[in-house]
Structure formats: structure tokens, C-alpha cells
């Protein structure tokens, strides 16, 4: 059984993968007396999804208010008949920005609901990176489940998170012309309770655009011994990369556990464009091999830890709605650190150097450029694409005296 940690007025339990997450979640849903509010990027109609759906329906039938908000892109394959079934069982279900025009480019299309949150009876919270999907679905021939983490929190932070979830719920209902139904419900407010050791970072595109990135940067700049980051999609901006390299130069051990299997091709190869400078700066890079990596966690100096939904890439840091929990507690941080290093020691391989053929270098640089241009066009504006094109020209077509592209042979796969 996962260990429970008492941090100030809250009880925290670190959960690894669906094997620990779903039984705990369904048990709390079955014990709910007042309300269950769930947000997720992916809600899949598979074995794990059906288990959660059944628990939600049982709660609704006994009079508990049950609300489910799933992202319209990540959950676009959710069967209509299953949604109708949940509604017949009194579960309120809606999509956040449903996909109506799959092939139409819109500026707001990448502004997704990527956070994974559950609040039960305004007392218990589940926060992390685990979607409502079976660990082994789409895992190909891998025996191991996707590596991911979440935290069960019981304490005052539940009210703060619920207030934000409720505001988003009301905003979604407004777009569906249900103003009369929610006219008074949207007045729900909870004043955040200051805590020195537990903080929730809820990223949006208004007042909290850079809260998660800023929290990372502050801790990395202040690190004295060790920075450990395990992240599925790692494509940080220049400031983030500079902070990691500077930490390594002043003697801090900087360890990255990254995706070793090709899941999202564009992001996977774009990340390779960063390897040379990070390795040259003293950063250790490991690639997870046992299965797909889906974690979004970090531990710094063995006393600061974060678990959440935010990747370290432009889509999470600049566009999507995300939620991370920050915990300043030695026991909790060391538990997470031990789990990350267990994956590094037994299920990952270290990348000590990269020797690319010019085609591999071109693929990495092109993937990096495509992502940055996409974010510029759909997220912020046209100006960024010209900066990216100039960077691409310098990195890809840099030549030596013999006009041969720099770089050697393939990175070891």
C-alpha cells in the first residue's frame, strides 16, 4: 500500500500508475456523500474507463451531485452512447471545446483542458498526470504500463481547487445557453488558504499564464545539490534550458528522465534537437525504455517536489489548462525521488553523447521548428515564425570549410 504523509493539515498519498490510482479513486467515489467533480483530458471507453464510469453512476443514483468535464480533443473518441448512458444515470457530462472541425486551423484549438483533477465532497483531491484510460491501452508489445503519477490529497486545498473547477464548469455551461440553470451556482467562491508546504498551481491563459514555469525556474535557480525532472514531452524554452545548464555548471547534479519510445513523433524528434547543448552543459539525460513515459514530476534538493499534468513544452507551458501540486516536504519528496531513480536504474538508458547524420539533425531541427511555428501561429501570433525560421537556418545549414553539414552518425536508438 502507498504510504500516507501528513503535511501540515493535509494527508498526501503518492500514487504510481493506474494500478494504485483507480482503486483508490473508485473507493473515494463510492464513499462520496455530497459531490464528485472530475476533469480529464482523456476519458477512454476501456476497462479502466468503464470501472470509473460505473463508480460515477453509482454515486449519482444515490443522490450525489456528479459532474464530468472532458476535453473535446483528448476525449473526442468517447462514444456518444456511453455519454447518453451516463446522463440517464444522472451524471452531468460535457465537453470542453468539443472538436467540430477536425481539419480547420483555429487560434484557440491548442488551448486544451489538459489537467486531471477530481474533487470529492470538497475534502479529497486527486491531482496528477493520470488520465481515465487503461495503463496498457495502445502500449503495443510493452509489458509494463505507462509510467505516471498522481497524488491523493485530503485537506483544505480541496476547496481551492473545487472553486476553480466550478468556475470553469459554469463557463462551459454558459457557452451552451444554460444561463438560467447556473445563475446562482456560479457565485461559489473559496478563499485560498495560505500554506508554506502545499501549493496548487492552476495554469490558465489569463492571470496564471506562467505560474508553473515560474515555480520550476525559481527552484532550479536556487538548487544547491540536485535537480531531477521526469517529463514525457520535454521542449522547454531558452530560459528554462539556460537555468538547467547554469545549475549544472555550479555543481548541481541535473538529471532528466525523458521519453525513450516514439509516441508523439513530432515532439519526440524535436526534443532531440536539445540534447547536444544540454549534454555539453553537464546535464544527465536518460530515456525511459520499459514502456511509454507519461509522468510530469520533479524533485529538487530532496525537499521540493511537484506532481501534475503539465509537460515542459510550449503546449503545456503556454497554451493548455494545467494543474500541478507543489509539496515542500522531505519525506514526500524522497519517496518520489526513489521512484524516479528506480525507473532510471532499471528501465532507462543513459544518453552520454549524440552523433547524428545530417538527416537526423535535419529531422530534429525541422520538428523543433514546426512546433514553435505552430505555437506561434495558433497561440500567440505570426512574429514567432520568423524567429524560428532564422534559428532553423542557422542550426540546419551550418557548414564547415568543406561545405559539409556538421554532425556525425545516428544517435543510438
Protein backbone atom coordinates (compact mmCIF):
# COMPACT_ATOMS: atom_id res chain seq x y z
CA UNK A 1 0.00 0.00 0.00
CA UNK A 2 1.27 3.53 -0.79
CA UNK A 3 2.44 5.45 2.24
CA UNK A 4 0.41 8.40 3.52
CA UNK A 5 2.27 11.58 4.57
CA UNK A 6 0.95 14.19 6.96
CA UNK A 7 1.95 17.66 5.73
CA UNK A 8 0.55 20.48 7.87
CA UNK A 9 -3.25 19.97 7.86
CA UNK A 10 -3.29 17.66 4.84
CA UNK A 11 -2.76 13.96 4.20
CA UNK A 12 -0.90 13.12 0.98
CA UNK A 13 -0.53 9.77 -0.79
CA UNK A 14 1.71 9.39 -3.83
CA UNK A 15 0.14 7.03 -6.38
CA UNK A 16 2.07 5.41 -9.23
CA UNK A 17 0.24 4.25 -12.36
CA UNK A 18 -3.36 3.15 -12.70
CA UNK A 19 -2.84 0.08 -10.53
CA UNK A 20 -2.70 2.33 -7.46
CA UNK A 21 -4.73 5.25 -8.78
CA UNK A 22 -8.02 3.74 -9.96
CA UNK A 23 -8.80 1.54 -6.91
CA UNK A 24 -8.22 4.49 -4.57
CA UNK A 25 -10.27 6.85 -6.76
CA UNK A 26 -13.22 4.49 -7.10
CA UNK A 27 -13.22 3.79 -3.35
CA UNK A 28 -13.48 7.50 -2.61
CA UNK A 29 -16.22 7.96 -5.24
CA UNK A 30 -18.17 5.09 -3.66
CA UNK A 31 -17.82 6.84 -0.29
CA UNK A 32 -18.92 10.26 -1.60
CA UNK A 33 -21.90 11.84 0.18
CA UNK A 34 -22.27 15.25 -1.49
CA UNK A 35 -20.41 15.74 -4.75
CA UNK A 36 -17.89 14.36 -7.23
CA UNK A 37 -16.35 16.76 -9.75
CA UNK A 38 -13.99 15.25 -12.33
CA UNK A 39 -11.91 16.87 -15.09
CA UNK A 40 -9.76 14.92 -17.51
CA UNK A 41 -8.05 15.27 -20.85
CA UNK A 42 -8.73 11.67 -21.91
CA UNK A 43 -11.74 9.63 -20.81
CA UNK A 44 -11.45 6.33 -22.62
CA UNK A 45 -14.14 3.71 -23.08
CA UNK A 46 -11.87 0.87 -21.99
CA UNK A 47 -11.56 -1.38 -18.95
CA UNK A 48 -10.38 1.36 -16.57
CA UNK A 49 -12.80 3.88 -18.05
CA UNK A 50 -15.77 1.55 -17.51
CA UNK A 51 -14.75 0.99 -13.87
CA UNK A 52 -14.69 4.74 -13.21
CA UNK A 53 -17.94 5.27 -15.14
CA UNK A 54 -19.68 2.63 -13.03
CA UNK A 55 -18.48 4.29 -9.80
CA UNK A 56 -19.70 7.69 -11.01
CA UNK A 57 -23.10 6.26 -11.94
CA UNK A 58 -23.48 4.54 -8.58
CA UNK A 59 -22.74 7.83 -6.83
CA UNK A 60 -25.24 9.76 -8.96
CA UNK A 61 -28.01 7.19 -8.38
CA UNK A 62 -27.69 7.58 -4.62
CA UNK A 63 -28.17 11.36 -4.89
CA UNK A 64 -24.57 12.61 -5.10
CA UNK A 65 -24.00 15.52 -7.50
CA UNK A 66 -21.65 14.13 -10.17
CA UNK A 67 -20.08 16.34 -12.82
CA UNK A 68 -17.65 15.25 -15.52
CA UNK A 69 -15.81 17.64 -17.84
CA UNK A 70 -13.65 16.03 -20.50
CA UNK A 71 -11.56 17.71 -23.18
CA UNK A 72 -13.15 17.81 -26.60
CA UNK A 73 -9.93 16.83 -28.38
CA UNK A 74 -8.39 14.32 -25.98
CA UNK A 75 -11.75 12.58 -25.44
CA UNK A 76 -13.13 13.08 -28.94
CA UNK A 77 -13.45 9.30 -29.37
CA UNK A 78 -15.65 8.90 -26.30
CA UNK A 79 -18.77 7.02 -27.52
CA UNK A 80 -21.96 9.06 -27.72
CA UNK A 81 -23.98 6.13 -26.40
CA UNK A 82 -21.82 5.96 -23.26
CA UNK A 83 -22.29 9.68 -22.66
CA UNK A 84 -26.06 9.24 -23.05
CA UNK A 85 -25.95 6.32 -20.62
CA UNK A 86 -24.13 8.41 -18.00
CA UNK A 87 -26.65 11.21 -18.40
CA UNK A 88 -29.55 8.78 -17.98
CA UNK A 89 -27.94 7.74 -14.70
CA UNK A 90 -27.93 11.44 -13.59
CA UNK A 91 -24.26 12.09 -14.27
CA UNK A 92 -23.73 15.57 -15.76
CA UNK A 93 -21.23 15.27 -18.62
CA UNK A 94 -19.90 17.93 -21.00
CA UNK A 95 -17.01 18.51 -23.36
CA UNK A 96 -14.56 21.38 -23.02
CA UNK A 97 -14.21 22.87 -26.52
CA UNK A 98 -15.62 19.94 -28.49
CA UNK A 99 -13.99 19.15 -31.83
CA UNK A 100 -16.39 20.10 -34.60
CA UNK A 101 -13.98 20.86 -37.44
CA UNK A 102 -11.03 18.48 -37.23
CA UNK A 103 -9.19 19.91 -40.22
CA UNK A 104 -9.81 23.60 -39.59
CA UNK A 105 -6.97 25.58 -38.03
CA UNK A 106 -8.12 27.93 -35.27
CA UNK A 107 -6.03 30.03 -32.91
CA UNK A 108 -7.68 28.54 -29.82
CA UNK A 109 -7.57 24.92 -30.95
CA UNK A 110 -4.47 24.08 -28.88
CA UNK A 111 -5.88 25.70 -25.73
CA UNK A 112 -6.99 22.38 -24.28
CA UNK A 113 -8.19 21.17 -20.88
CA UNK A 114 -5.13 19.07 -20.09
CA UNK A 115 -5.41 18.90 -16.31
CA UNK A 116 -6.52 15.76 -14.45
CA UNK A 117 -8.45 16.66 -11.31
CA UNK A 118 -11.06 15.03 -9.10
CA UNK A 119 -12.60 16.68 -6.03
CA UNK A 120 -14.85 14.61 -3.76
CA UNK A 121 -17.06 16.18 -1.07
CA UNK A 122 -14.81 19.29 -1.07
CA UNK A 123 -12.45 17.23 1.09
CA UNK A 124 -10.44 14.84 -1.12
CA UNK A 125 -8.50 15.78 -4.25
CA UNK A 126 -6.78 13.69 -6.91
CA UNK A 127 -4.24 15.65 -8.94
CA UNK A 128 -1.53 14.48 -11.32
CA UNK A 129 -0.94 13.21 -14.82
CA UNK A 130 -3.12 10.08 -14.97
CA UNK A 131 -5.98 10.16 -17.46
CA UNK A 132 -9.05 7.95 -17.27
CA UNK A 133 -7.53 5.32 -19.52
CA UNK A 134 -6.09 1.87 -19.07
CA UNK A 135 -2.33 1.93 -18.45
CA UNK A 136 -1.62 -0.62 -21.14
CA UNK A 137 -4.00 0.61 -23.83
CA UNK A 138 -2.11 1.41 -27.04
CA UNK A 139 1.11 0.23 -25.38
CA UNK A 140 1.95 -2.10 -28.22
CA UNK A 141 4.13 -5.00 -27.12
CA UNK A 142 5.31 -3.41 -23.86
CA UNK A 143 4.55 -5.47 -20.76
CA UNK A 144 4.94 -2.51 -18.39
CA UNK A 145 2.21 0.14 -18.02
CA UNK A 146 2.83 3.78 -18.87
CA UNK A 147 4.85 5.41 -16.10
CA UNK A 148 2.79 8.10 -14.44
CA UNK A 149 1.99 9.63 -11.04
CA UNK A 150 -0.82 11.31 -9.14
CA UNK A 151 -1.38 12.48 -5.57
CA UNK A 152 -4.38 11.94 -3.33
CA UNK A 153 -4.75 14.93 -1.02
CA UNK A 154 -7.17 15.21 1.86
CA UNK A 155 -7.27 18.68 3.33
CA UNK A 156 -8.07 22.38 2.85
CA UNK A 157 -6.66 22.54 -0.68
CA UNK A 158 -9.79 20.72 -1.92
CA UNK A 159 -11.94 23.82 -1.59
CA UNK A 160 -9.48 25.98 -3.52
CA UNK A 161 -9.30 23.50 -6.40
CA UNK A 162 -13.05 22.97 -6.46
CA UNK A 163 -13.68 26.71 -6.73
CA UNK A 164 -11.58 26.88 -9.90
CA UNK A 165 -13.18 23.75 -11.35
CA UNK A 166 -16.61 25.17 -10.61
CA UNK A 167 -15.84 28.43 -12.39
CA UNK A 168 -14.71 26.52 -15.48
CA UNK A 169 -17.82 24.33 -15.31
CA UNK A 170 -20.00 27.44 -15.28
CA UNK A 171 -18.07 28.94 -18.19
CA UNK A 172 -18.70 25.80 -20.24
CA UNK A 173 -22.41 25.84 -19.41
CA UNK A 174 -22.66 29.48 -20.46
CA UNK A 175 -21.50 28.52 -23.94
CA UNK A 176 -24.42 26.06 -24.04
CA UNK A 177 -27.03 28.74 -23.29
CA UNK A 178 -27.84 27.38 -19.85
CA UNK A 179 -27.57 30.71 -18.03
CA UNK A 180 -30.77 30.34 -16.02
CA UNK A 181 -29.67 26.99 -14.67
CA UNK A 182 -26.38 28.32 -13.31
CA UNK A 183 -27.29 31.91 -12.46
CA UNK A 184 -26.68 31.46 -8.74
CA UNK A 185 -24.41 28.42 -8.73
CA UNK A 186 -21.52 30.38 -10.22
CA UNK A 187 -21.24 32.60 -7.16
CA UNK A 188 -19.38 29.79 -5.39
CA UNK A 189 -16.08 31.14 -4.07
CA UNK A 190 -13.41 29.78 -1.74
CA UNK A 191 -10.59 31.94 -0.47
CA UNK A 192 -7.24 30.10 -0.83
CA UNK A 193 -5.76 29.03 2.50
CA UNK A 194 -2.09 30.04 2.67
CA UNK A 195 0.24 27.10 3.18
CA UNK A 196 4.00 27.10 3.46
CA UNK A 197 4.32 23.49 2.31
CA UNK A 198 1.49 22.75 -0.14
CA UNK A 199 0.56 24.85 -3.13
CA UNK A 200 -1.64 24.24 -6.15
CA UNK A 201 -0.60 25.81 -9.45
CA UNK A 202 -3.53 26.07 -11.86
CA UNK A 203 -2.31 27.37 -15.21
CA UNK A 204 -4.72 29.28 -17.46
CA UNK A 205 -4.46 31.88 -20.22
CA UNK A 206 -5.44 34.86 -18.10
CA UNK A 207 -3.99 35.60 -14.66
CA UNK A 208 -1.84 32.48 -14.25
CA UNK A 209 -0.17 32.03 -17.61
CA UNK A 210 3.37 31.31 -16.34
CA UNK A 211 2.81 30.15 -12.76
CA UNK A 212 4.04 26.59 -13.33
CA UNK A 213 7.06 27.59 -15.40
CA UNK A 214 7.97 30.31 -12.88
CA UNK A 215 7.81 27.83 -9.98
CA UNK A 216 10.21 25.49 -11.81
CA UNK A 217 12.62 28.30 -12.64
CA UNK A 218 12.73 29.68 -9.11
CA UNK A 219 13.59 26.30 -7.62
CA UNK A 220 16.12 25.37 -10.31
CA UNK A 221 17.94 28.69 -9.84
CA UNK A 222 18.02 28.14 -6.07
CA UNK A 223 19.04 24.45 -6.25
CA UNK A 224 22.20 23.51 -4.35
CA UNK A 225 22.59 19.74 -4.83
CA UNK A 226 20.21 18.05 -7.24
CA UNK A 227 17.53 18.69 -9.87
CA UNK A 228 15.57 15.64 -11.05
CA UNK A 229 12.89 16.00 -13.72
CA UNK A 230 10.85 13.19 -15.29
CA UNK A 231 8.74 14.53 -18.12
CA UNK A 232 7.02 12.89 -21.06
CA UNK A 233 7.25 15.79 -23.50
CA UNK A 234 10.27 17.96 -22.87
CA UNK A 235 10.71 21.00 -25.07
CA UNK A 236 11.44 23.96 -22.77
CA UNK A 237 12.18 27.50 -23.85
CA UNK A 238 15.55 29.21 -23.74
CA UNK A 239 15.19 30.48 -20.15
CA UNK A 240 14.40 27.02 -18.83
CA UNK A 241 17.30 25.40 -20.68
CA UNK A 242 19.67 28.15 -19.52
CA UNK A 243 18.59 27.60 -15.89
CA UNK A 244 19.31 23.86 -16.12
CA UNK A 245 22.74 24.37 -17.68
CA UNK A 246 23.70 27.08 -15.20
CA UNK A 247 22.69 24.81 -12.32
CA UNK A 248 24.89 22.04 -13.72
CA UNK A 249 27.81 24.44 -14.13
CA UNK A 250 27.70 25.45 -10.48
CA UNK A 251 27.95 21.80 -9.39
CA UNK A 252 24.29 20.80 -9.10
CA UNK A 253 23.50 17.34 -10.44
CA UNK A 254 20.82 17.81 -13.12
CA UNK A 255 19.02 14.62 -14.20
CA UNK A 256 16.37 14.35 -16.92
CA UNK A 257 14.25 11.23 -17.45
CA UNK A 258 12.62 11.62 -20.86
CA UNK A 259 10.54 9.67 -23.35
CA UNK A 260 12.52 6.85 -24.91
CA UNK A 261 9.76 5.40 -27.06
CA UNK A 262 8.26 7.18 -30.05
CA UNK A 263 4.70 8.08 -29.06
CA UNK A 264 4.21 11.61 -30.41
CA UNK A 265 6.67 11.74 -33.30
CA UNK A 266 6.91 15.50 -33.71
CA UNK A 267 7.61 16.16 -30.03
CA UNK A 268 9.90 13.16 -29.75
CA UNK A 269 12.25 14.27 -32.52
CA UNK A 270 12.02 17.95 -31.57
CA UNK A 271 13.36 17.07 -28.11
CA UNK A 272 16.44 15.53 -29.74
CA UNK A 273 17.34 18.98 -31.05
CA UNK A 274 18.13 19.99 -27.45
CA UNK A 275 20.35 17.05 -26.49
CA UNK A 276 23.72 18.35 -27.66
CA UNK A 277 23.66 21.61 -25.74
CA UNK A 278 22.19 20.03 -22.61
CA UNK A 279 24.81 17.27 -22.57
CA UNK A 280 27.59 19.76 -23.26
CA UNK A 281 26.32 21.81 -20.32
CA UNK A 282 26.66 18.88 -17.90
CA UNK A 283 23.03 17.70 -17.82
CA UNK A 284 22.43 13.94 -17.47
CA UNK A 285 19.81 12.56 -19.89
CA UNK A 286 18.08 9.19 -19.57
CA UNK A 287 15.43 7.74 -21.86
CA UNK A 288 12.70 5.51 -20.41
CA UNK A 289 12.54 2.17 -22.24
CA UNK A 290 10.13 -0.17 -20.43
CA UNK A 291 7.05 1.48 -21.88
CA UNK A 292 5.77 4.97 -22.62
CA UNK A 293 6.63 7.70 -20.15
CA UNK A 294 3.70 9.92 -19.19
CA UNK A 295 4.94 11.39 -15.91
CA UNK A 296 5.21 15.14 -15.24
CA UNK A 297 7.13 15.26 -11.96
CA UNK A 298 10.25 16.77 -10.43
CA UNK A 299 12.26 16.70 -7.19
CA UNK A 300 14.78 19.40 -6.26
CA UNK A 301 17.29 19.09 -3.41
CA UNK A 302 15.27 16.25 -1.91
CA UNK A 303 12.78 18.63 -0.31
CA UNK A 304 10.75 20.26 -3.10
CA UNK A 305 8.53 18.14 -5.33
CA UNK A 306 5.88 18.69 -7.96
CA UNK A 307 3.38 16.25 -9.45
CA UNK A 308 0.93 17.34 -12.07
CA UNK A 309 -0.38 17.41 -15.62
CA UNK A 310 2.00 19.98 -17.12
CA UNK A 311 4.63 18.85 -19.56
CA UNK A 312 7.63 21.09 -20.08
CA UNK A 313 6.77 22.03 -23.62
CA UNK A 314 5.07 25.00 -25.35
CA UNK A 315 1.64 23.36 -25.39
CA UNK A 316 1.52 22.91 -21.61
CA UNK A 317 3.51 25.96 -20.51
CA UNK A 318 1.92 28.44 -22.92
CA UNK A 319 -1.47 27.16 -24.09
CA UNK A 320 -3.28 24.44 -22.10
CA UNK A 321 -5.09 24.50 -18.79
CA UNK A 322 -2.84 22.58 -16.38
CA UNK A 323 -2.70 21.70 -12.70
CA UNK A 324 0.40 20.88 -10.64
CA UNK A 325 0.75 20.24 -6.95
CA UNK A 326 3.88 21.58 -5.24
CA UNK A 327 4.91 19.93 -1.97
CA UNK A 328 7.73 21.10 0.29
CA UNK A 329 8.22 18.04 2.47
CA UNK A 330 11.32 15.87 2.75
CA UNK A 331 9.56 12.51 3.21
CA UNK A 332 7.19 13.03 0.28
CA UNK A 333 9.97 14.35 -1.97
CA UNK A 334 12.29 11.44 -1.15
CA UNK A 335 9.50 8.95 -1.90
CA UNK A 336 9.02 10.47 -5.36
CA UNK A 337 12.80 10.69 -5.87
CA UNK A 338 13.19 6.99 -5.06
CA UNK A 339 10.51 6.05 -7.60
CA UNK A 340 12.11 8.15 -10.34
CA UNK A 341 15.56 6.70 -9.73
CA UNK A 342 14.12 3.19 -9.64
CA UNK A 343 12.84 3.80 -13.18
CA UNK A 344 16.21 5.28 -14.21
CA UNK A 345 18.24 2.40 -12.74
CA UNK A 346 16.11 -0.47 -14.05
CA UNK A 347 14.08 0.78 -17.02
CA UNK A 348 16.07 3.52 -18.74
CA UNK A 349 19.29 4.01 -20.66
CA UNK A 350 21.64 6.96 -20.41
CA UNK A 351 22.39 9.13 -23.41
CA UNK A 352 26.04 10.10 -23.00
CA UNK A 353 26.62 11.66 -26.41
CA UNK A 354 24.85 12.19 -29.71
CA UNK A 355 26.40 11.51 -33.08
CA UNK A 356 23.95 12.43 -35.79
CA UNK A 357 23.96 12.02 -39.50
CA UNK A 358 22.90 15.24 -41.17
CA UNK A 359 19.47 13.74 -41.93
CA UNK A 360 18.84 13.06 -38.22
CA UNK A 361 19.96 16.58 -37.38
CA UNK A 362 17.66 18.00 -40.04
CA UNK A 363 14.69 15.93 -38.75
CA UNK A 364 15.24 17.13 -35.17
CA UNK A 365 15.63 20.78 -36.16
CA UNK A 366 12.66 20.65 -38.52
CA UNK A 367 10.42 19.07 -35.86
CA UNK A 368 11.51 21.72 -33.37
CA UNK A 369 10.74 24.49 -35.87
CA UNK A 370 7.32 23.09 -36.79
CA UNK A 371 6.24 23.00 -33.13
CA UNK A 372 7.46 26.52 -32.41
CA UNK A 373 5.81 27.91 -35.55
CA UNK A 374 2.56 26.11 -34.73
CA UNK A 375 2.51 27.59 -31.25
CA UNK A 376 3.33 30.99 -32.70
CA UNK A 377 0.56 30.86 -35.27
CA UNK A 378 -2.17 29.30 -33.15
CA UNK A 379 -1.14 30.55 -29.73
CA UNK A 380 0.43 33.96 -29.89
CA UNK A 381 0.91 35.41 -33.34
CA UNK A 382 2.87 35.46 -36.54
CA UNK A 383 6.01 37.14 -35.27
CA UNK A 384 7.46 33.96 -33.72
CA UNK A 385 7.65 32.06 -37.01
CA UNK A 386 10.26 34.44 -38.41
CA UNK A 387 12.46 33.98 -35.34
CA UNK A 388 12.13 30.21 -35.69
CA UNK A 389 12.97 30.26 -39.40
CA UNK A 390 16.17 32.17 -38.70
CA UNK A 391 17.12 29.69 -35.95
CA UNK A 392 16.37 26.77 -38.27
CA UNK A 393 18.56 28.24 -40.98
CA UNK A 394 21.48 28.63 -38.58
CA UNK A 395 21.18 25.18 -36.97
CA UNK A 396 20.42 23.03 -40.00
CA UNK A 397 22.53 24.64 -42.69
CA UNK A 398 25.61 25.45 -40.62
CA UNK A 399 28.60 24.33 -42.69
CA UNK A 400 32.30 23.96 -42.23
CA UNK A 401 35.04 24.84 -44.68
CA UNK A 402 34.29 21.85 -46.92
CA UNK A 403 30.55 22.73 -47.09
CA UNK A 404 29.59 19.52 -45.31
CA UNK A 405 26.83 19.56 -42.71
CA UNK A 406 28.15 19.29 -39.17
CA UNK A 407 27.32 16.24 -37.11
CA UNK A 408 28.16 12.57 -37.27
CA UNK A 409 26.14 9.44 -37.48
CA UNK A 410 22.88 8.39 -35.93
CA UNK A 411 22.00 8.69 -32.30
CA UNK A 412 21.99 5.21 -30.79
CA UNK A 413 18.41 4.02 -30.67
